[in-house]
Amino acid sequence: PIKHSMVAFIVLVKCLKFHLSERELNLKKLYLEMQYSEISIRKQIVILQSSGWVTIEVSAQDRRVKFLKPTKKLLQYSNQILRNSPSLKSYKNLN
């Protein structure tokens, strides 16, 4: 889904990282943390959202706050990649 976009790659990795650590990824904080323009980040998020990789949820406490979350599709593909990764298999064999 990322084609040649480093922005899309970073957005997906951050989204998965926050999901795995059971935290919510605030869109405003994401824009501030990344070294890319807010417009380019928004564009990539729209593409990822329309392709079914991420979803945006509005906070129940404050309707102005939005969170970026992975979809089941992204979680399934990332789990498949992790299971099939040779570097992770060799790491497991060392332990």
PDB file of N, CA and C in Angstrom:
ATOM      1  N   PRO A   1       0.803  -1.222   0.000  1.00  0.00           N
ATOM      2  CA  PRO A   1       0.000   0.000   0.000  1.00  0.00           C
ATOM      3  C   PRO A   1       0.835   1.272   0.000  1.00  0.00           C
ATOM      4  N   ILE A   2       2.132   1.159   0.298  1.00  0.00           N
ATOM      5  CA  ILE A   2       2.929   2.374   0.463  1.00  0.00           C
ATOM      6  C   ILE A   2       3.611   2.821  -0.820  1.00  0.00           C
ATOM      7  N   LYS A   3       3.674   1.949  -1.815  1.00  0.00           N
ATOM      8  CA  LYS A   3       4.382   2.234  -3.066  1.00  0.00           C
ATOM      9  C   LYS A   3       5.789   2.710  -2.734  1.00  0.00           C
ATOM     10  N   HIS A   4       6.135   3.954  -3.056  1.00  0.00           N
ATOM     11  CA  HIS A   4       7.489   4.450  -2.770  1.00  0.00           C
ATOM     12  C   HIS A   4       7.460   5.569  -1.733  1.00  0.00           C
ATOM     13  N   SER A   5       6.424   5.602  -0.912  1.00  0.00           N
ATOM     14  CA  SER A   5       6.256   6.689   0.044  1.00  0.00           C
ATOM     15  C   SER A   5       6.828   6.335   1.411  1.00  0.00           C
ATOM     16  N   MET A   6       7.812   7.080   1.822  1.00  0.00           N
ATOM     17  CA  MET A   6       8.376   6.911   3.159  1.00  0.00           C
ATOM     18  C   MET A   6       7.378   7.389   4.215  1.00  0.00           C
ATOM     19  N   VAL A   7       6.581   8.384   3.863  1.00  0.00           N
ATOM     20  CA  VAL A   7       5.566   8.904   4.788  1.00  0.00           C
ATOM     21  C   VAL A   7       4.571   7.807   5.132  1.00  0.00           C
ATOM     22  N   ALA A   8       4.058   7.112   4.119  1.00  0.00           N
ATOM     23  CA  ALA A   8       3.088   6.036   4.352  1.00  0.00           C
ATOM     24  C   ALA A   8       3.707   4.924   5.184  1.00  0.00           C
ATOM     25  N   PHE A   9       4.951   4.581   4.908  1.00  0.00           N
ATOM     26  CA  PHE A   9       5.639   3.541   5.667  1.00  0.00           C
ATOM     27  C   PHE A   9       5.729   3.921   7.149  1.00  0.00           C
ATOM     28  N   ILE A  10       6.146   5.150   7.430  1.00  0.00           N
ATOM     29  CA  ILE A  10       6.287   5.601   8.814  1.00  0.00           C
ATOM     30  C   ILE A  10       4.936   5.633   9.511  1.00  0.00           C
ATOM     31  N   VAL A  11       3.904   6.078   8.811  1.00  0.00           N
ATOM     32  CA  VAL A  11       2.557   6.121   9.394  1.00  0.00           C
ATOM     33  C   VAL A  11       2.112   4.713   9.779  1.00  0.00           C
ATOM     34  N   LEU A  12       2.324   3.740   8.901  1.00  0.00           N
ATOM     35  CA  LEU A  12       1.922   2.360   9.202  1.00  0.00           C
ATOM     36  C   LEU A  12       2.710   1.786  10.377  1.00  0.00           C
ATOM     37  N   VAL A  13       3.999   2.029  10.408  1.00  0.00           N
ATOM     38  CA  VAL A  13       4.838   1.514  11.498  1.00  0.00           C
ATOM     39  C   VAL A  13       4.437   2.140  12.829  1.00  0.00           C
ATOM     40  N   LYS A  14       4.228   3.452  12.837  1.00  0.00           N
ATOM     41  CA  LYS A  14       3.805   4.118  14.074  1.00  0.00           C
ATOM     42  C   LYS A  14       2.435   3.614  14.516  1.00  0.00           C
ATOM     43  N   CYS A  15       1.539   3.419  13.577  1.00  0.00           N
ATOM     44  CA  CYS A  15       0.198   2.926  13.886  1.00  0.00           C
ATOM     45  C   CYS A  15       0.275   1.540  14.540  1.00  0.00           C
ATOM     46  N   LEU A  16       1.082   0.661  13.975  1.00  0.00           N
ATOM     47  CA  LEU A  16       1.252  -0.674  14.547  1.00  0.00           C
ATOM     48  C   LEU A  16       1.944  -0.620  15.911  1.00  0.00           C
ATOM     49  N   LYS A  17       2.937   0.235  16.034  1.00  0.00           N
ATOM     50  CA  LYS A  17       3.666   0.366  17.296  1.00  0.00           C
ATOM     51  C   LYS A  17       2.729   0.795  18.421  1.00  0.00           C
ATOM     52  N   PHE A  18       1.904   1.789  18.174  1.00  0.00           N
ATOM     53  CA  PHE A  18       0.971   2.247  19.198  1.00  0.00           C
ATOM     54  C   PHE A  18      -0.066   1.176  19.502  1.00  0.00           C
ATOM     55  N   HIS A  19      -0.526   0.477  18.493  1.00  0.00           N
ATOM     56  CA  HIS A  19      -1.502  -0.590  18.704  1.00  0.00           C
ATOM     57  C   HIS A  19      -0.913  -1.700  19.580  1.00  0.00           C
ATOM     58  N   LEU A  20       0.310  -2.108  19.279  1.00  0.00           N
ATOM     59  CA  LEU A  20       0.948  -3.179  20.044  1.00  0.00           C
ATOM     60  C   LEU A  20       1.253  -2.766  21.485  1.00  0.00           C
ATOM     61  N   SER A  21       1.495  -1.495  21.704  1.00  0.00           N
ATOM     62  CA  SER A  21       1.746  -1.018  23.067  1.00  0.00           C
ATOM     63  C   SER A  21       0.447  -0.594  23.763  1.00  0.00           C
ATOM     64  N   GLU A  22      -0.674  -0.862  23.109  1.00  0.00           N
ATOM     65  CA  GLU A  22      -2.013  -0.580  23.642  1.00  0.00           C
ATOM     66  C   GLU A  22      -2.195   0.887  24.013  1.00  0.00           C
ATOM     67  N   ARG A  23      -1.687   1.756  23.138  1.00  0.00           N
ATOM     68  CA  ARG A  23      -1.874   3.197  23.287  1.00  0.00           C
ATOM     69  C   ARG A  23      -2.609   3.711  22.050  1.00  0.00           C
ATOM     70  N   GLU A  24      -3.155   4.904  22.167  1.00  0.00           N
ATOM     71  CA  GLU A  24      -3.858   5.491  21.032  1.00  0.00           C
ATOM     72  C   GLU A  24      -2.962   6.517  20.348  1.00  0.00           C
ATOM     73  N   LEU A  25      -2.932   6.456  19.022  1.00  0.00           N
ATOM     74  CA  LEU A  25      -2.096   7.361  18.231  1.00  0.00           C
ATOM     75  C   LEU A  25      -2.919   8.592  17.852  1.00  0.00           C
ATOM     76  N   ASN A  26      -2.646   9.684  18.522  1.00  0.00           N
ATOM     77  CA  ASN A  26      -3.331  10.948  18.284  1.00  0.00           C
ATOM     78  C   ASN A  26      -2.814  11.544  16.967  1.00  0.00           C
ATOM     79  N   LEU A  27      -3.723  11.892  16.067  1.00  0.00           N
ATOM     80  CA  LEU A  27      -3.312  12.423  14.767  1.00  0.00           C
ATOM     81  C   LEU A  27      -2.521  13.726  14.908  1.00  0.00           C
ATOM     82  N   LYS A  28      -2.943  14.590  15.787  1.00  0.00           N
ATOM     83  CA  LYS A  28      -2.251  15.867  15.965  1.00  0.00           C
ATOM     84  C   LYS A  28      -0.800  15.647  16.397  1.00  0.00           C
ATOM     85  N   LYS A  29      -0.588  14.723  17.325  1.00  0.00           N
ATOM     86  CA  LYS A  29       0.770  14.420  17.773  1.00  0.00           C
ATOM     87  C   LYS A  29       1.587  13.776  16.656  1.00  0.00           C
ATOM     88  N   LEU A  30       0.933  12.959  15.841  1.00  0.00           N
ATOM     89  CA  LEU A  30       1.619  12.342  14.708  1.00  0.00           C
ATOM     90  C   LEU A  30       2.132  13.411  13.749  1.00  0.00           C
ATOM     91  N   TYR A  31       1.290  14.393  13.431  1.00  0.00           N
ATOM     92  CA  TYR A  31       1.705  15.479  12.535  1.00  0.00           C
ATOM     93  C   TYR A  31       2.896  16.239  13.107  1.00  0.00           C
ATOM     94  N   LEU A  32       2.888  16.469  14.419  1.00  0.00           N
ATOM     95  CA  LEU A  32       3.959  17.229  15.053  1.00  0.00           C
ATOM     96  C   LEU A  32       5.263  16.442  15.150  1.00  0.00           C
ATOM     97  N   GLU A  33       5.171  15.123  15.332  1.00  0.00           N
ATOM     98  CA  GLU A  33       6.366  14.288  15.491  1.00  0.00           C
ATOM     99  C   GLU A  33       7.111  14.049  14.185  1.00  0.00           C
ATOM    100  N   MET A  34       6.364  13.956  13.110  1.00  0.00           N
ATOM    101  CA  MET A  34       6.990  13.594  11.840  1.00  0.00           C
ATOM    102  C   MET A  34       7.664  14.801  11.200  1.00  0.00           C
ATOM    103  N   GLN A  35       8.712  14.541  10.455  1.00  0.00           N
ATOM    104  CA  GLN A  35       9.481  15.609   9.839  1.00  0.00           C
ATOM    105  C   GLN A  35       8.957  15.987   8.458  1.00  0.00           C
ATOM    106  N   TYR A  36       7.771  15.522   8.124  1.00  0.00           N
ATOM    107  CA  TYR A  36       7.162  15.812   6.831  1.00  0.00           C
ATOM    108  C   TYR A  36       6.025  16.812   7.011  1.00  0.00           C
ATOM    109  N   SER A  37       5.588  17.406   5.908  1.00  0.00           N
ATOM    110  CA  SER A  37       4.512  18.387   6.004  1.00  0.00           C
ATOM    111  C   SER A  37       3.195  17.707   6.373  1.00  0.00           C
ATOM    112  N   GLU A  38       2.360  18.460   7.053  1.00  0.00           N
ATOM    113  CA  GLU A  38       1.064  17.935   7.468  1.00  0.00           C
ATOM    114  C   GLU A  38       0.225  17.544   6.251  1.00  0.00           C
ATOM    115  N   ILE A  39       0.352  18.287   5.176  1.00  0.00           N
ATOM    116  CA  ILE A  39      -0.405  17.992   3.961  1.00  0.00           C
ATOM    117  C   ILE A  39       0.001  16.645   3.382  1.00  0.00           C
ATOM    118  N   SER A  40       1.300  16.358   3.328  1.00  0.00           N
ATOM    119  CA  SER A  40       1.743  15.077   2.776  1.00  0.00           C
ATOM    120  C   SER A  40       1.329  13.911   3.679  1.00  0.00           C
ATOM    121  N   ILE A  41       1.349  14.131   4.987  1.00  0.00           N
ATOM    122  CA  ILE A  41       0.920  13.084   5.919  1.00  0.00           C
ATOM    123  C   ILE A  41      -0.568  12.830   5.756  1.00  0.00           C
ATOM    124  N   ARG A  42      -1.348  13.902   5.689  1.00  0.00           N
ATOM    125  CA  ARG A  42      -2.803  13.764   5.502  1.00  0.00           C
ATOM    126  C   ARG A  42      -3.123  13.022   4.207  1.00  0.00           C
ATOM    127  N   LYS A  43      -2.408  13.364   3.149  1.00  0.00           N
ATOM    128  CA  LYS A  43      -2.636  12.722   1.848  1.00  0.00           C
ATOM    129  C   LYS A  43      -2.399  11.215   1.953  1.00  0.00           C
ATOM    130  N   GLN A  44      -1.308  10.826   2.583  1.00  0.00           N
ATOM    131  CA  GLN A  44      -0.999   9.400   2.713  1.00  0.00           C
ATOM    132  C   GLN A  44      -2.002   8.692   3.617  1.00  0.00           C
ATOM    133  N   ILE A  45      -2.457   9.357   4.673  1.00  0.00           N
ATOM    134  CA  ILE A  45      -3.455   8.750   5.552  1.00  0.00           C
ATOM    135  C   ILE A  45      -4.768   8.536   4.800  1.00  0.00           C
ATOM    136  N   VAL A  46      -5.163   9.493   3.980  1.00  0.00           N
ATOM    137  CA  VAL A  46      -6.382   9.341   3.178  1.00  0.00           C
ATOM    138  C   VAL A  46      -6.246   8.145   2.236  1.00  0.00           C
ATOM    139  N   ILE A  47      -5.099   8.003   1.616  1.00  0.00           N
ATOM    140  CA  ILE A  47      -4.860   6.867   0.706  1.00  0.00           C
ATOM    141  C   ILE A  47      -4.914   5.554   1.488  1.00  0.00           C
ATOM    142  N   LEU A  48      -4.235   5.505   2.641  1.00  0.00           N
ATOM    143  CA  LEU A  48      -4.235   4.290   3.459  1.00  0.00           C
ATOM    144  C   LEU A  48      -5.635   3.977   3.986  1.00  0.00           C
ATOM    145  N   GLN A  49      -6.377   5.006   4.339  1.00  0.00           N
ATOM    146  CA  GLN A  49      -7.736   4.806   4.845  1.00  0.00           C
ATOM    147  C   GLN A  49      -8.663   4.312   3.737  1.00  0.00           C
ATOM    148  N   SER A  50      -8.575   4.891   2.562  1.00  0.00           N
ATOM    149  CA  SER A  50      -9.447   4.464   1.457  1.00  0.00           C
ATOM    150  C   SER A  50      -9.095   3.063   0.950  1.00  0.00           C
ATOM    151  N   SER A  51      -7.856   2.638   1.190  1.00  0.00           N
ATOM    152  CA  SER A  51      -7.429   1.291   0.798  1.00  0.00           C
ATOM    153  C   SER A  51      -7.718   0.258   1.879  1.00  0.00           C
ATOM    154  N   GLY A  52      -8.203   0.708   3.027  1.00  0.00           N
ATOM    155  CA  GLY A  52      -8.575  -0.216   4.089  1.00  0.00           C
ATOM    156  C   GLY A  52      -7.452  -0.641   5.015  1.00  0.00           C
ATOM    157  N   TRP A  53      -6.381   0.150   5.103  1.00  0.00           N
ATOM    158  CA  TRP A  53      -5.242  -0.207   5.954  1.00  0.00           C
ATOM    159  C   TRP A  53      -5.326   0.428   7.337  1.00  0.00           C
ATOM    160  N   VAL A  54      -5.879   1.635   7.413  1.00  0.00           N
ATOM    161  CA  VAL A  54      -6.032   2.324   8.693  1.00  0.00           C
ATOM    162  C   VAL A  54      -7.429   2.923   8.777  1.00  0.00           C
ATOM    163  N   THR A  55      -7.801   3.270   9.992  1.00  0.00           N
ATOM    164  CA  THR A  55      -9.075   3.941  10.217  1.00  0.00           C
ATOM    165  C   THR A  55      -8.856   5.088  11.189  1.00  0.00           C
ATOM    166  N   ILE A  56      -9.704   6.100  11.080  1.00  0.00           N
ATOM    167  CA  ILE A  56      -9.639   7.243  11.986  1.00  0.00           C
ATOM    168  C   ILE A  56     -10.868   7.202  12.872  1.00  0.00           C
ATOM    169  N   GLU A  57     -10.623   7.266  14.180  1.00  0.00           N
ATOM    170  CA  GLU A  57     -11.720   7.265  15.148  1.00  0.00           C
ATOM    171  C   GLU A  57     -11.700   8.561  15.943  1.00  0.00           C
ATOM    172  N   VAL A  58     -12.885   9.075  16.213  1.00  0.00           N
ATOM    173  CA  VAL A  58     -13.022  10.291  17.004  1.00  0.00           C
ATOM    174  C   VAL A  58     -13.094   9.897  18.478  1.00  0.00           C
ATOM    175  N   SER A  59     -12.418  10.664  19.312  1.00  0.00           N
ATOM    176  CA  SER A  59     -12.398  10.405  20.753  1.00  0.00           C
ATOM    177  C   SER A  59     -13.797  10.574  21.338  1.00  0.00           C
ATOM    178  N   ALA A  60     -14.152   9.701  22.248  1.00  0.00           N
ATOM    179  CA  ALA A  60     -15.452   9.790  22.920  1.00  0.00           C
ATOM    180  C   ALA A  60     -15.471  10.952  23.915  1.00  0.00           C
ATOM    181  N   GLN A  61     -14.304  11.289  24.490  1.00  0.00           N
ATOM    182  CA  GLN A  61     -14.235  12.355  25.477  1.00  0.00           C
ATOM    183  C   GLN A  61     -14.191  13.746  24.842  1.00  0.00           C
ATOM    184  N   ASP A  62     -13.475  13.869  23.731  1.00  0.00           N
ATOM    185  CA  ASP A  62     -13.316  15.169  23.076  1.00  0.00           C
ATOM    186  C   ASP A  62     -13.437  14.967  21.571  1.00  0.00           C
ATOM    187  N   ARG A  63     -14.520  15.426  20.989  1.00  0.00           N
ATOM    188  CA  ARG A  63     -14.800  15.192  19.567  1.00  0.00           C
ATOM    189  C   ARG A  63     -13.773  15.851  18.642  1.00  0.00           C
ATOM    190  N   ARG A  64     -12.949  16.737  19.165  1.00  0.00           N
ATOM    191  CA  ARG A  64     -11.913  17.377  18.341  1.00  0.00           C
ATOM    192  C   ARG A  64     -10.690  16.481  18.165  1.00  0.00           C
ATOM    193  N   VAL A  65     -10.547  15.503  19.028  1.00  0.00           N
ATOM    194  CA  VAL A  65      -9.377  14.614  19.013  1.00  0.00           C
ATOM    195  C   VAL A  65      -9.682  13.387  18.156  1.00  0.00           C
ATOM    196  N   LYS A  66      -8.730  13.062  17.273  1.00  0.00           N
ATOM    197  CA  LYS A  66      -8.885  11.898  16.395  1.00  0.00           C
ATOM    198  C   LYS A  66      -7.696  10.971  16.572  1.00  0.00           C
ATOM    199  N   PHE A  67      -7.992   9.674  16.500  1.00  0.00           N
ATOM    200  CA  PHE A  67      -6.959   8.656  16.654  1.00  0.00           C
ATOM    201  C   PHE A  67      -6.845   7.828  15.380  1.00  0.00           C
ATOM    202  N   LEU A  68      -5.623   7.459  15.047  1.00  0.00           N
ATOM    203  CA  LEU A  68      -5.357   6.590  13.908  1.00  0.00           C
ATOM    204  C   LEU A  68      -5.194   5.167  14.418  1.00  0.00           C
ATOM    205  N   LYS A  69      -5.939   4.245  13.832  1.00  0.00           N
ATOM    206  CA  LYS A  69      -5.900   2.857  14.285  1.00  0.00           C
ATOM    207  C   LYS A  69      -5.748   1.920  13.087  1.00  0.00           C
ATOM    208  N   PRO A  70      -5.075   0.785  13.306  1.00  0.00           N
ATOM    209  CA  PRO A  70      -4.939  -0.193  12.222  1.00  0.00           C
ATOM    210  C   PRO A  70      -6.253  -0.945  12.029  1.00  0.00           C
ATOM    211  N   THR A  71      -6.485  -1.380  10.811  1.00  0.00           N
ATOM    212  CA  THR A  71      -7.656  -2.204  10.529  1.00  0.00           C
ATOM    213  C   THR A  71      -7.267  -3.676  10.693  1.00  0.00           C
ATOM    214  N   LYS A  72      -8.252  -4.550  10.647  1.00  0.00           N
ATOM    215  CA  LYS A  72      -7.975  -5.987  10.713  1.00  0.00           C
ATOM    216  C   LYS A  72      -7.062  -6.399   9.567  1.00  0.00           C
ATOM    217  N   LYS A  73      -7.258  -5.785   8.419  1.00  0.00           N
ATOM    218  CA  LYS A  73      -6.440  -6.089   7.236  1.00  0.00           C
ATOM    219  C   LYS A  73      -4.956  -5.827   7.531  1.00  0.00           C
ATOM    220  N   LEU A  74      -4.646  -4.672   8.092  1.00  0.00           N
ATOM    221  CA  LEU A  74      -3.256  -4.336   8.414  1.00  0.00           C
ATOM    222  C   LEU A  74      -2.697  -5.283   9.468  1.00  0.00           C
ATOM    223  N   LEU A  75      -3.483  -5.592  10.480  1.00  0.00           N
ATOM    224  CA  LEU A  75      -3.023  -6.500  11.526  1.00  0.00           C
ATOM    225  C   LEU A  75      -2.773  -7.904  10.990  1.00  0.00           C
ATOM    226  N   GLN A  76      -3.638  -8.383  10.114  1.00  0.00           N
ATOM    227  CA  GLN A  76      -3.459  -9.716   9.537  1.00  0.00           C
ATOM    228  C   GLN A  76      -2.204  -9.782   8.686  1.00  0.00           C
ATOM    229  N   TYR A  77      -1.993  -8.776   7.832  1.00  0.00           N
ATOM    230  CA  TYR A  77      -0.807  -8.782   6.974  1.00  0.00           C
ATOM    231  C   TYR A  77       0.475  -8.612   7.786  1.00  0.00           C
ATOM    232  N   SER A  78       0.451  -7.772   8.797  1.00  0.00           N
ATOM    233  CA  SER A  78       1.667  -7.596   9.604  1.00  0.00           C
ATOM    234  C   SER A  78       1.985  -8.867  10.391  1.00  0.00           C
ATOM    235  N   ASN A  79       0.959  -9.553  10.895  1.00  0.00           N
ATOM    236  CA  ASN A  79       1.193 -10.832  11.577  1.00  0.00           C
ATOM    237  C   ASN A  79       1.768 -11.862  10.627  1.00  0.00           C
ATOM    238  N   GLN A  80       1.270 -11.881   9.405  1.00  0.00           N
ATOM    239  CA  GLN A  80       1.776 -12.822   8.409  1.00  0.00           C
ATOM    240  C   GLN A  80       3.235 -12.527   8.073  1.00  0.00           C
ATOM    241  N   ILE A  81       3.568 -11.263   7.946  1.00  0.00           N
ATOM    242  CA  ILE A  81       4.955 -10.878   7.656  1.00  0.00           C
ATOM    243  C   ILE A  81       5.866 -11.299   8.804  1.00  0.00           C
ATOM    244  N   LEU A  82       5.420 -11.057  10.033  1.00  0.00           N
ATOM    245  CA  LEU A  82       6.242 -11.415  11.193  1.00  0.00           C
ATOM    246  C   LEU A  82       6.440 -12.924  11.304  1.00  0.00           C
ATOM    247  N   ARG A  83       5.393 -13.691  11.006  1.00  0.00           N
ATOM    248  CA  ARG A  83       5.509 -15.156  11.067  1.00  0.00           C
ATOM    249  C   ARG A  83       6.461 -15.695  10.001  1.00  0.00           C
ATOM    250  N   ASN A  84       6.504 -15.053   8.851  1.00  0.00           N
ATOM    251  CA  ASN A  84       7.313 -15.542   7.734  1.00  0.00           C
ATOM    252  C   ASN A  84       8.691 -14.896   7.643  1.00  0.00           C
ATOM    253  N   SER A  85       9.023 -14.045   8.589  1.00  0.00           N
ATOM    254  CA  SER A  85      10.299 -13.344   8.545  1.00  0.00           C
ATOM    255  C   SER A  85      11.438 -14.275   8.942  1.00  0.00           C
ATOM    256  N   PRO A  86      12.418 -14.479   8.049  1.00  0.00           N
ATOM    257  CA  PRO A  86      13.539 -15.358   8.388  1.00  0.00           C
ATOM    258  C   PRO A  86      14.382 -14.820   9.536  1.00  0.00           C
ATOM    259  N   SER A  87      14.512 -13.514   9.660  1.00  0.00           N
ATOM    260  CA  SER A  87      15.338 -12.965  10.737  1.00  0.00           C
ATOM    261  C   SER A  87      14.713 -13.244  12.100  1.00  0.00           C
ATOM    262  N   LEU A  88      13.396 -13.231  12.184  1.00  0.00           N
ATOM    263  CA  LEU A  88      12.733 -13.535  13.451  1.00  0.00           C
ATOM    264  C   LEU A  88      12.828 -15.021  13.773  1.00  0.00           C
ATOM    265  N   LYS A  89      12.770 -15.865  12.755  1.00  0.00           N
ATOM    266  CA  LYS A  89      12.897 -17.307  12.990  1.00  0.00           C
ATOM    267  C   LYS A  89      14.280 -17.645  13.520  1.00  0.00           C
ATOM    268  N   SER A  90      15.313 -17.015  12.952  1.00  0.00           N
ATOM    269  CA  SER A  90      16.666 -17.282  13.436  1.00  0.00           C
ATOM    270  C   SER A  90      16.866 -16.750  14.841  1.00  0.00           C
ATOM    271  N   TYR A  91      16.195 -15.640  15.163  1.00  0.00           N
ATOM    272  CA  TYR A  91      16.281 -15.079  16.512  1.00  0.00           C
ATOM    273  C   TYR A  91      15.649 -16.046  17.519  1.00  0.00           C
ATOM    274  N   LYS A  92      14.512 -16.643  17.162  1.00  0.00           N
ATOM    275  CA  LYS A  92      13.851 -17.596  18.046  1.00  0.00           C
ATOM    276  C   LYS A  92      14.722 -18.823  18.276  1.00  0.00           C
ATOM    277  N   ASN A  93      15.487 -19.225  17.261  1.00  0.00           N
ATOM    278  CA  ASN A  93      16.347 -20.409  17.387  1.00  0.00           C
ATOM    279  C   ASN A  93      17.534 -20.154  18.317  1.00  0.00           C
ATOM    280  N   LEU A  94      17.911 -18.899  18.498  1.00  0.00           N
ATOM    281  CA  LEU A  94      19.024 -18.580  19.388  1.00  0.00           C
ATOM    282  C   LEU A  94      18.649 -18.705  20.851  1.00  0.00           C
ATOM    283  N   ASN A  95      17.373 -18.542  21.139  1.00  0.00           N
ATOM    284  CA  ASN A  95      16.923 -18.580  22.542  1.00  0.00           C
ATOM    285  C   ASN A  95      16.635 -19.969  23.009  1.00  0.00           C
TER     286      ASN A  95
END
